[in-house]
């Protein structure tokens, strides 16, 4: 995880431009993710974004669900700083610099989102265990 952290700390300032080049239909992917959230737009929901990066998805959540309370979790402090800037209009967004694999899910969430981050889990056993923790 240290190598991953260093990589994203370094790329944070260019991440939004890089992701648009690397992932075809990235914006459509985000739209599909938001459309899959099974709540009314006015719902007061708690959302956690695991591996939030620069906050692009959390921003779309807040645009679509203005009453959502969002927690952004990312390993890279530089990513969190960019997310804070991007989401500065919202007072109900929380930020946590943390390895989401080791994150303490002491709060309950209505929605758990992650985009292009969970593949960093090492193997299928790790993924199954992590998904089980999220579900619980």
Foldseek 3Di string as FASTA:
>chain_A
DVVVQVVLLVCLVVVVVVCPVVDPPVVVVLVVVLVPQPDQLADQFEEEEAQCFQPPSVLVNCVRNVNYQYEYEHQHPSRQVNNCVVCVVDPRYHYYNDNLLPDDPPDQGSYYHYDPPLVPQDDPVSSVVSVVVNVD
